[in-house]
């Protein structure tokens, strides 16, 4: 999947790219995202994009599939295992299944899954793994040169 966005800043070999969700609006292609659905990507910057450049970023399908499996299935599996564990513990402690203990164990399993997801996504985002800037669509605008700087030969001087 490819996204179009604007390089906000550089962080070593990574470019921090601001993008909009593709289905949110078509204004994203013009470099503005006024719908509030902007998000940031950390992508490997092998093409040398500079801050302000509009770029195309490729998100690997493997990372997308892994994220989907992680976000949807892990809480379900750990919640179910927590419920079964809570039921088994309730039977051993109280002689019968305890619904409150099973529910609390299920919620604990979901909470553990959420913490794991947050940590895994932060680690993946910090490394830029699975994201790469593939091309520069519009290079960063160059800094304007003031005519007074050219006349005097010194930056920032003025002819007053």
Protein backbone atom coordinates (compact mmCIF):
# COMPACT_ATOMS: atom_id res chain seq x y z
CA UNK A 1 0.00 0.00 0.00
CA UNK A 2 1.35 3.43 -0.88
CA UNK A 3 0.66 6.71 0.91
CA UNK A 4 1.40 10.27 -0.16
CA UNK A 5 2.60 12.68 2.46
CA UNK A 6 4.90 15.54 3.38
CA UNK A 7 8.26 15.14 5.10
CA UNK A 8 8.04 17.01 8.40
CA UNK A 9 11.57 16.36 9.65
CA UNK A 10 14.48 13.98 9.38
CA UNK A 11 15.65 11.66 12.14
CA UNK A 12 18.92 10.08 10.98
CA UNK A 13 18.14 7.68 8.12
CA UNK A 14 14.40 8.06 8.75
CA UNK A 15 11.97 10.66 7.43
CA UNK A 16 8.99 11.63 9.57
CA UNK A 17 6.17 11.90 7.04
CA UNK A 18 2.76 13.45 7.72
CA UNK A 19 -0.01 11.87 5.70
CA UNK A 20 -3.79 11.65 5.60
CA UNK A 21 -5.91 8.58 5.46
CA UNK A 22 -6.47 8.02 1.76
CA UNK A 23 -10.21 7.73 2.07
CA UNK A 24 -10.48 10.86 4.24
CA UNK A 25 -10.06 13.50 1.56
CA UNK A 26 -8.48 14.35 -1.74
CA UNK A 27 -6.89 17.50 -0.31
CA UNK A 28 -4.08 15.35 1.07
CA UNK A 29 -2.51 15.33 -2.35
CA UNK A 30 -2.19 19.10 -2.09
CA UNK A 31 -0.24 18.85 1.15
CA UNK A 32 -2.99 19.80 3.57
CA UNK A 33 -5.17 17.63 5.74
CA UNK A 34 -8.00 19.61 7.20
CA UNK A 35 -10.21 16.70 8.22
CA UNK A 36 -8.14 15.93 11.32
CA UNK A 37 -7.25 12.45 10.12
CA UNK A 38 -3.53 13.14 9.73
CA UNK A 39 -1.02 10.62 11.03
CA UNK A 40 2.77 10.33 11.06
CA UNK A 41 4.96 7.63 9.56
CA UNK A 42 8.62 6.94 10.23
CA UNK A 43 9.99 5.73 6.91
CA UNK A 44 13.46 4.86 5.63
CA UNK A 45 14.62 7.78 3.52
CA UNK A 46 16.78 6.17 0.84
CA UNK A 47 15.86 8.79 -1.79
CA UNK A 48 17.20 11.78 0.17
CA UNK A 49 13.93 13.66 0.67
CA UNK A 50 14.22 16.92 2.62
CA UNK A 51 11.70 18.48 5.03
CA UNK A 52 8.81 20.04 3.10
CA UNK A 53 9.05 17.57 0.21
CA UNK A 54 5.94 15.72 -0.89
CA UNK A 55 6.78 12.02 -1.11
CA UNK A 56 5.31 8.61 -1.77
CA UNK A 57 5.76 6.10 1.04
CA UNK A 58 5.37 2.34 0.58
CA UNK A 59 3.98 0.36 3.49
CA UNK A 60 4.88 -3.31 3.19
CA UNK A 61 1.90 -5.63 2.98
CA UNK A 62 3.62 -7.94 5.47
CA UNK A 63 3.62 -5.20 8.10
CA UNK A 64 -0.02 -4.41 7.37
CA UNK A 65 -1.05 -8.06 7.70
CA UNK A 66 1.00 -8.47 10.87
CA UNK A 67 -0.61 -5.38 12.38
CA UNK A 68 -4.10 -6.61 11.53
CA UNK A 69 -3.42 -9.99 13.08
CA UNK A 70 -1.88 -8.38 16.14
CA UNK A 71 -4.61 -5.81 16.72
CA UNK A 72 -7.64 -8.02 16.09
CA UNK A 73 -6.63 -11.54 17.02
CA UNK A 74 -4.25 -11.15 19.95
CA UNK A 75 -6.80 -9.51 22.31
CA UNK A 76 -9.39 -12.11 21.32
CA UNK A 77 -7.05 -15.03 21.95
CA UNK A 78 -5.60 -13.69 25.21
CA UNK A 79 -9.07 -12.67 26.43
CA UNK A 80 -10.40 -16.17 25.71
CA UNK A 81 -7.43 -17.83 27.38
CA UNK A 82 -7.84 -15.52 30.36
CA UNK A 83 -11.51 -16.45 30.63
CA UNK A 84 -10.74 -20.18 30.54
CA UNK A 85 -7.95 -19.76 33.10
CA UNK A 86 -10.28 -17.76 35.37
CA UNK A 87 -12.92 -20.47 35.12
CA UNK A 88 -10.41 -23.19 35.96
CA UNK A 89 -9.03 -21.23 38.92
CA UNK A 90 -12.57 -20.56 40.15
CA UNK A 91 -13.42 -24.27 40.05
CA UNK A 92 -10.30 -25.15 42.05
CA UNK A 93 -10.75 -22.40 44.64
CA UNK A 94 -14.53 -22.35 45.02
CA UNK A 95 -15.61 -25.76 43.69
CA UNK A 96 -17.63 -24.10 40.90
CA UNK A 97 -16.96 -21.73 38.05
CA UNK A 98 -16.95 -18.13 39.20
CA UNK A 99 -18.24 -15.74 36.52
CA UNK A 100 -16.63 -12.66 38.11
CA UNK A 101 -13.23 -14.29 38.30
CA UNK A 102 -13.52 -15.54 34.71
CA UNK A 103 -14.54 -12.07 33.46
CA UNK A 104 -11.73 -10.38 35.41
CA UNK A 105 -9.24 -12.88 33.98
CA UNK A 106 -10.55 -12.25 30.45
CA UNK A 107 -10.15 -8.48 30.91
CA UNK A 108 -6.64 -9.04 32.24
CA UNK A 109 -5.82 -11.04 29.11
CA UNK A 110 -7.14 -8.25 26.88
CA UNK A 111 -5.17 -5.64 28.87
CA UNK A 112 -1.96 -7.67 28.47
CA UNK A 113 -2.64 -7.90 24.72
CA UNK A 114 -3.16 -4.12 24.46
CA UNK A 115 0.10 -3.40 26.30
CA UNK A 116 1.94 -5.85 24.03
CA UNK A 117 0.41 -4.23 20.92
CA UNK A 118 1.43 -0.74 22.03
CA UNK A 119 5.00 -1.82 22.74
CA UNK A 120 5.31 -3.77 19.47
CA UNK A 121 3.95 -0.88 17.38
CA UNK A 122 6.27 1.64 19.07
CA UNK A 123 9.25 -0.60 18.41
CA UNK A 124 8.29 -1.09 14.75
CA UNK A 125 7.62 2.64 14.27
CA UNK A 126 10.93 3.65 15.86
CA UNK A 127 12.87 1.45 13.47
CA UNK A 128 10.96 2.49 10.34
CA UNK A 129 10.65 -1.19 9.51
CA UNK A 130 8.13 -1.85 6.78
CA UNK A 131 7.98 1.80 5.60
CA UNK A 132 10.13 3.32 2.90
CA UNK A 133 10.11 6.57 0.95
CA UNK A 134 10.05 5.35 -2.66
CA UNK A 135 9.99 8.62 -4.60
CA UNK A 136 9.92 12.37 -4.26
CA UNK A 137 6.82 13.83 -5.89
CA UNK A 138 7.54 17.50 -5.21
CA UNK A 139 10.92 18.51 -3.71
CA UNK A 140 11.11 20.77 -0.71
CA UNK A 141 10.81 24.45 -1.55
CA UNK A 142 14.15 26.22 -1.48
CA UNK A 143 14.67 29.08 0.95
CA UNK A 144 13.99 32.49 -0.55
CA UNK A 145 17.05 34.67 -1.08
CA UNK A 146 16.65 38.30 -0.07
CA UNK A 147 17.95 40.77 -2.61
CA UNK A 148 19.70 42.80 0.11
CA UNK A 149 21.80 39.73 1.01
CA UNK A 150 22.95 39.37 -2.59
CA UNK A 151 23.89 43.06 -2.93
CA UNK A 152 26.08 43.20 0.18
CA UNK A 153 27.46 39.68 -0.08
CA UNK A 154 26.56 38.99 3.57
CA UNK A 155 23.56 37.01 4.70
CA UNK A 156 21.05 38.97 6.72
CA UNK A 157 22.41 42.44 5.98
CA UNK A 158 20.08 45.15 4.80
CA UNK A 159 20.56 48.29 2.74
CA UNK A 160 18.80 50.82 4.96
